Amino acid sequence: MSKRDIKAERRKLGLRQGEFWSVVGVTQSGGSRYENGRNMPEPTEILLGLLLEKSSTRAAEKLVKLRARIRGKVVE
């Protein structure tokens, strides 16, 4: 999901940055940085994908890979 898509989704929901980003445990200033192009941590990206349901399959696949990495297994 691109930064523009996230910002557009947030606006479509009628939420301020602080309200929107707090759902995934990110501060308003952190969310603003992500919306303006800074790299987003993978866990945050996964949570957003699951919450916004636009890329839930992709987010779920990333979650499986992240779990495997945490457990010391490499998954391609």
C-alpha atoms as a PDB file:
ATOM      1  CA  MET A   1       0.000   0.000   0.000  1.00  0.00           C
ATOM      2  CA  SER A   2       1.482   3.324  -1.013  1.00  0.00           C
ATOM      3  CA  LYS A   3       1.796   6.331   1.250  1.00  0.00           C
ATOM      4  CA  ARG A   4      -0.790   8.197  -0.833  1.00  0.00           C
ATOM      5  CA  ASP A   5      -3.235   5.315  -0.481  1.00  0.00           C
ATOM      6  CA  ILE A   6      -2.890   5.350   3.306  1.00  0.00           C
ATOM      7  CA  LYS A   7      -3.461   9.089   3.487  1.00  0.00           C
ATOM      8  CA  ALA A   8      -6.469   8.816   1.145  1.00  0.00           C
ATOM      9  CA  GLU A   9      -7.955   5.950   3.184  1.00  0.00           C
ATOM     10  CA  ARG A  10      -7.492   7.906   6.412  1.00  0.00           C
ATOM     11  CA  ARG A  11      -9.210  10.927   4.906  1.00  0.00           C
ATOM     12  CA  LYS A  12     -12.004   8.779   3.469  1.00  0.00           C
ATOM     13  CA  LEU A  13     -12.630   7.473   7.001  1.00  0.00           C
ATOM     14  CA  GLY A  14     -12.784  11.060   8.254  1.00  0.00           C
ATOM     15  CA  LEU A  15     -10.061  10.489  10.833  1.00  0.00           C
ATOM     16  CA  ARG A  16      -7.325  12.802  12.003  1.00  0.00           C
ATOM     17  CA  GLN A  17      -3.785  11.450  11.909  1.00  0.00           C
ATOM     18  CA  GLY A  18      -3.662  10.887  15.673  1.00  0.00           C
ATOM     19  CA  GLU A  19      -6.937   8.960  15.662  1.00  0.00           C
ATOM     20  CA  PHE A  20      -5.998   6.819  12.679  1.00  0.00           C
ATOM     21  CA  TRP A  21      -2.440   5.958  13.649  1.00  0.00           C
ATOM     22  CA  SER A  22      -3.202   5.250  17.297  1.00  0.00           C
ATOM     23  CA  VAL A  23      -5.125   2.154  16.172  1.00  0.00           C
ATOM     24  CA  VAL A  24      -1.822   0.522  15.186  1.00  0.00           C
ATOM     25  CA  GLY A  25       0.198   2.003  18.045  1.00  0.00           C
ATOM     26  CA  VAL A  26       1.846   4.824  16.122  1.00  0.00           C
ATOM     27  CA  THR A  27       2.001   8.448  17.246  1.00  0.00           C
ATOM     28  CA  GLN A  28       0.532  11.223  15.136  1.00  0.00           C
ATOM     29  CA  SER A  29       4.006  12.502  14.258  1.00  0.00           C
ATOM     30  CA  GLY A  30       5.142   9.000  13.259  1.00  0.00           C
ATOM     31  CA  GLY A  31       2.065   8.548  11.076  1.00  0.00           C
ATOM     32  CA  SER A  32       2.698  11.890   9.444  1.00  0.00           C
ATOM     33  CA  ARG A  33       6.237  10.815   8.578  1.00  0.00           C
ATOM     34  CA  TYR A  34       4.952   7.574   7.029  1.00  0.00           C
ATOM     35  CA  GLU A  35       2.318   9.442   5.020  1.00  0.00           C
ATOM     36  CA  ASN A  36       5.054  11.726   3.706  1.00  0.00           C
ATOM     37  CA  GLY A  37       7.345   9.005   2.436  1.00  0.00           C
ATOM     38  CA  ARG A  38       9.426   7.656   5.313  1.00  0.00           C
ATOM     39  CA  ASN A  39       9.837   3.903   5.427  1.00  0.00           C
ATOM     40  CA  MET A  40       7.291   2.147   7.582  1.00  0.00           C
ATOM     41  CA  PRO A  41       8.285  -0.762   9.829  1.00  0.00           C
ATOM     42  CA  GLU A  42       7.060  -4.068   8.449  1.00  0.00           C
ATOM     43  CA  PRO A  43       4.829  -4.892  11.468  1.00  0.00           C
ATOM     44  CA  THR A  44       3.050  -1.542  11.093  1.00  0.00           C
ATOM     45  CA  GLU A  45       2.606  -2.112   7.372  1.00  0.00           C
ATOM     46  CA  ILE A  46       1.134  -5.560   8.051  1.00  0.00           C
ATOM     47  CA  LEU A  47      -1.315  -4.212  10.620  1.00  0.00           C
ATOM     48  CA  LEU A  48      -2.471  -1.466   8.260  1.00  0.00           C
ATOM     49  CA  GLY A  49      -2.968  -3.973   5.464  1.00  0.00           C
ATOM     50  CA  LEU A  50      -5.084  -6.161   7.703  1.00  0.00           C
ATOM     51  CA  LEU A  51      -7.104  -3.246   9.063  1.00  0.00           C
ATOM     52  CA  LEU A  52      -7.786  -1.607   5.722  1.00  0.00           C
ATOM     53  CA  GLU A  53      -8.500  -4.956   4.007  1.00  0.00           C
ATOM     54  CA  LYS A  54      -7.153  -3.693   0.703  1.00  0.00           C
ATOM     55  CA  SER A  55      -4.195  -6.024   0.775  1.00  0.00           C
ATOM     56  CA  SER A  56      -5.138  -8.440   3.508  1.00  0.00           C
ATOM     57  CA  THR A  57      -3.789 -11.429   1.557  1.00  0.00           C
ATOM     58  CA  ARG A  58      -0.475  -9.712   0.993  1.00  0.00           C
ATOM     59  CA  ALA A  59      -0.382  -8.553   4.615  1.00  0.00           C
ATOM     60  CA  ALA A  60      -1.128 -12.068   5.834  1.00  0.00           C
ATOM     61  CA  GLU A  61       1.702 -13.449   3.675  1.00  0.00           C
ATOM     62  CA  LYS A  62       4.084 -10.881   5.136  1.00  0.00           C
ATOM     63  CA  LEU A  63       2.939 -11.820   8.621  1.00  0.00           C
ATOM     64  CA  VAL A  64       3.777 -15.496   7.963  1.00  0.00           C
ATOM     65  CA  LYS A  65       7.236 -14.498   6.711  1.00  0.00           C
ATOM     66  CA  LEU A  66       7.792 -12.246   9.722  1.00  0.00           C
ATOM     67  CA  ARG A  67       6.802 -15.035  12.124  1.00  0.00           C
ATOM     68  CA  ALA A  68       9.199 -17.418  10.372  1.00  0.00           C
ATOM     69  CA  ARG A  69      12.044 -14.887  10.620  1.00  0.00           C
ATOM     70  CA  ILE A  70      11.360 -14.406  14.310  1.00  0.00           C
ATOM     71  CA  ARG A  71      11.553 -18.162  14.780  1.00  0.00           C
ATOM     72  CA  GLY A  72      14.850 -18.303  12.880  1.00  0.00           C
ATOM     73  CA  LYS A  73      13.563 -19.821   9.675  1.00  0.00           C
ATOM     74  CA  VAL A  74      14.096 -18.161   6.319  1.00  0.00           C
ATOM     75  CA  VAL A  75      11.001 -18.095   4.114  1.00  0.00           C
ATOM     76  CA  GLU A  76      11.133 -16.851   0.532  1.00  0.00           C
END
